Each structure stands twice: as C-alpha cells, then as structure tokens.
Amino acid sequence: MSPVIFHSIWTVLMLILFIGIVFWAYSSRRQRAFDEAARLPLEEEDFVPGRSSGEKQHG
C-alpha cells in the first residue's frame, strides 16, 4: 500500500471519528448529563483539600 493511499484512508477514518464524536456530544440523550456537569462548579458546597466531606469547618 502506498503512503498516499494510507494517508487518505487515515484522513477519512479520522473525519468519521470526528463526526461521530460531534453527534455524540450534541445528542439529546447526553444533554442531561452535560447540564449536570456544567452546574458542578456552581454548587454551594465548599471543598477544602485534606478534609473529609463530613467534617465541619470551625471559625
């Protein structure tokens, strides 16, 4: 197989993969999960490294 044919096939496969990822990301089935992930940084709970979630903050 010549390098030109190999690169052509590789390009077409990568284009198909890209289009598949775009359809997956914009599908209506994934919208709920992405909306939940988008709201994670806005949640009220403060995170302090090294402290468990059940431990109260003093001060």
N, C-alpha and C. Protein backbone atom coordinates (compact mmCIF):
# COMPACT_ATOMS: atom_id res chain seq x y z
N MET A 1 0.85 -1.16 0.00
CA MET A 1 0.00 0.00 0.00
C MET A 1 0.90 1.24 0.00
N SER A 2 0.61 2.14 -0.89
CA SER A 2 1.45 3.34 -0.98
C SER A 2 1.09 4.31 0.16
N PRO A 3 2.03 5.15 0.53
CA PRO A 3 1.78 6.10 1.61
C PRO A 3 0.61 7.05 1.31
N VAL A 4 0.41 7.38 0.07
CA VAL A 4 -0.68 8.29 -0.29
C VAL A 4 -2.03 7.66 0.02
N ILE A 5 -2.19 6.39 -0.33
CA ILE A 5 -3.44 5.70 -0.06
C ILE A 5 -3.64 5.53 1.45
N PHE A 6 -2.57 5.18 2.16
CA PHE A 6 -2.66 5.04 3.61
C PHE A 6 -3.10 6.34 4.27
N HIS A 7 -2.50 7.46 3.87
CA HIS A 7 -2.85 8.75 4.46
C HIS A 7 -4.27 9.16 4.09
N SER A 8 -4.72 8.82 2.91
CA SER A 8 -6.09 9.12 2.50
C SER A 8 -7.09 8.34 3.35
N ILE A 9 -6.82 7.05 3.54
CA ILE A 9 -7.71 6.22 4.37
C ILE A 9 -7.70 6.72 5.81
N TRP A 10 -6.53 7.04 6.33
CA TRP A 10 -6.40 7.55 7.69
C TRP A 10 -7.19 8.85 7.85
N THR A 11 -7.12 9.74 6.89
CA THR A 11 -7.84 11.01 6.95
C THR A 11 -9.35 10.77 6.97
N VAL A 12 -9.83 9.87 6.13
CA VAL A 12 -11.27 9.57 6.08
C VAL A 12 -11.72 8.95 7.41
N LEU A 13 -10.93 8.04 7.99
CA LEU A 13 -11.28 7.44 9.27
C LEU A 13 -11.33 8.47 10.39
N MET A 14 -10.38 9.38 10.41
CA MET A 14 -10.37 10.42 11.44
C MET A 14 -11.56 11.38 11.27
N LEU A 15 -11.94 11.67 10.04
CA LEU A 15 -13.10 12.52 9.78
C LEU A 15 -14.37 11.84 10.29
N ILE A 16 -14.51 10.54 10.03
CA ILE A 16 -15.67 9.79 10.51
C ILE A 16 -15.69 9.77 12.04
N LEU A 17 -14.54 9.57 12.67
CA LEU A 17 -14.45 9.60 14.12
C LEU A 17 -14.85 10.97 14.67
N PHE A 18 -14.38 12.02 14.06
CA PHE A 18 -14.72 13.38 14.49
C PHE A 18 -16.21 13.63 14.39
N ILE A 19 -16.81 13.25 13.29
CA ILE A 19 -18.25 13.44 13.10
C ILE A 19 -19.02 12.62 14.13
N GLY A 20 -18.56 11.41 14.42
CA GLY A 20 -19.20 10.59 15.44
C GLY A 20 -19.15 11.24 16.82
N ILE A 21 -18.02 11.81 17.18
CA ILE A 21 -17.88 12.47 18.47
C ILE A 21 -18.78 13.70 18.55
N VAL A 22 -18.88 14.45 17.47
CA VAL A 22 -19.75 15.62 17.45
C VAL A 22 -21.21 15.20 17.63
N PHE A 23 -21.66 14.17 16.93
CA PHE A 23 -23.03 13.69 17.09
C PHE A 23 -23.26 13.18 18.51
N TRP A 24 -22.29 12.49 19.09
CA TRP A 24 -22.41 12.01 20.46
C TRP A 24 -22.54 13.17 21.44
N ALA A 25 -21.72 14.19 21.26
CA ALA A 25 -21.72 15.32 22.19
C ALA A 25 -22.99 16.14 22.11
N TYR A 26 -23.58 16.25 20.94
CA TYR A 26 -24.78 17.06 20.77
C TYR A 26 -26.06 16.24 20.77
N SER A 27 -25.99 14.95 21.08
CA SER A 27 -27.21 14.14 21.10
C SER A 27 -28.08 14.53 22.30
N SER A 28 -29.37 14.40 22.14
CA SER A 28 -30.29 14.79 23.21
C SER A 28 -30.19 13.86 24.41
N ARG A 29 -29.73 12.62 24.22
CA ARG A 29 -29.58 11.69 25.33
C ARG A 29 -28.47 12.14 26.28
N ARG A 30 -27.47 12.85 25.81
CA ARG A 30 -26.35 13.27 26.65
C ARG A 30 -26.58 14.63 27.28
N GLN A 31 -27.61 15.36 26.86
CA GLN A 31 -27.81 16.73 27.32
C GLN A 31 -27.96 16.82 28.84
N ARG A 32 -28.73 15.90 29.44
CA ARG A 32 -28.94 15.95 30.88
C ARG A 32 -27.62 15.78 31.64
N ALA A 33 -26.80 14.82 31.23
CA ALA A 33 -25.53 14.58 31.91
C ALA A 33 -24.59 15.78 31.76
N PHE A 34 -24.57 16.38 30.58
CA PHE A 34 -23.71 17.55 30.36
C PHE A 34 -24.21 18.76 31.15
N ASP A 35 -25.54 18.91 31.26
CA ASP A 35 -26.07 20.02 32.06
C ASP A 35 -25.70 19.86 33.54
N GLU A 36 -25.78 18.64 34.05
CA GLU A 36 -25.38 18.39 35.44
C GLU A 36 -23.90 18.68 35.65
N ALA A 37 -23.07 18.26 34.72
CA ALA A 37 -21.63 18.51 34.83
C ALA A 37 -21.33 20.00 34.73
N ALA A 38 -22.10 20.72 33.95
CA ALA A 38 -21.87 22.16 33.81
C ALA A 38 -22.20 22.91 35.10
N ARG A 39 -23.14 22.37 35.90
CA ARG A 39 -23.53 23.03 37.14
C ARG A 39 -22.63 22.68 38.32
N LEU A 40 -21.75 21.70 38.20
CA LEU A 40 -20.91 21.28 39.32
C LEU A 40 -20.09 22.42 39.95
N PRO A 41 -19.45 23.28 39.17
CA PRO A 41 -18.66 24.34 39.82
C PRO A 41 -19.52 25.37 40.57
N LEU A 42 -20.82 25.39 40.31
CA LEU A 42 -21.68 26.40 40.92
C LEU A 42 -22.37 25.90 42.18
N GLU A 43 -22.11 24.67 42.59
CA GLU A 43 -22.75 24.14 43.78
C GLU A 43 -22.25 24.85 45.03
N GLU A 44 -23.09 24.84 46.07
CA GLU A 44 -22.83 25.59 47.29
C GLU A 44 -21.71 25.00 48.16
N GLU A 45 -21.52 23.70 48.12
CA GLU A 45 -20.57 23.04 49.00
C GLU A 45 -19.14 23.51 48.73
N ASP A 46 -18.46 23.94 49.80
CA ASP A 46 -17.07 24.37 49.67
C ASP A 46 -16.16 23.16 49.83
N PHE A 47 -15.17 23.06 49.00
CA PHE A 47 -14.23 21.96 49.06
C PHE A 47 -12.92 22.47 49.63
N VAL A 48 -12.46 21.78 50.66
CA VAL A 48 -11.16 22.11 51.26
C VAL A 48 -10.31 20.84 51.16
N PRO A 49 -9.18 20.91 50.46
CA PRO A 49 -8.33 19.73 50.33
C PRO A 49 -7.87 19.20 51.68
N GLY A 50 -7.88 17.89 51.86
CA GLY A 50 -7.41 17.27 53.08
C GLY A 50 -8.46 17.12 54.15
N ARG A 51 -9.66 17.61 53.91
CA ARG A 51 -10.73 17.50 54.89
C ARG A 51 -11.84 16.62 54.32
N SER A 52 -12.34 15.70 55.12
CA SER A 52 -13.43 14.85 54.63
C SER A 52 -14.71 15.64 54.52
N SER A 53 -15.66 15.15 53.73
CA SER A 53 -16.89 15.89 53.49
C SER A 53 -17.76 16.00 54.73
N GLY A 54 -17.65 15.06 55.68
CA GLY A 54 -18.47 15.10 56.88
C GLY A 54 -17.91 16.00 57.98
N GLU A 55 -16.70 16.45 57.83
CA GLU A 55 -16.03 17.25 58.85
C GLU A 55 -16.51 18.70 58.77
N LYS A 56 -16.84 19.27 59.92
CA LYS A 56 -17.31 20.65 59.97
C LYS A 56 -16.17 21.64 59.97
N GLN A 57 -16.45 22.81 59.42
CA GLN A 57 -15.44 23.87 59.39
C GLN A 57 -15.62 24.73 60.64
N HIS A 58 -14.56 24.99 61.36
CA HIS A 58 -14.61 25.81 62.56
C HIS A 58 -14.05 27.19 62.25
N GLY A 59 -14.72 28.19 62.80
CA GLY A 59 -14.17 29.52 62.65
C GLY A 59 -15.03 30.52 62.02
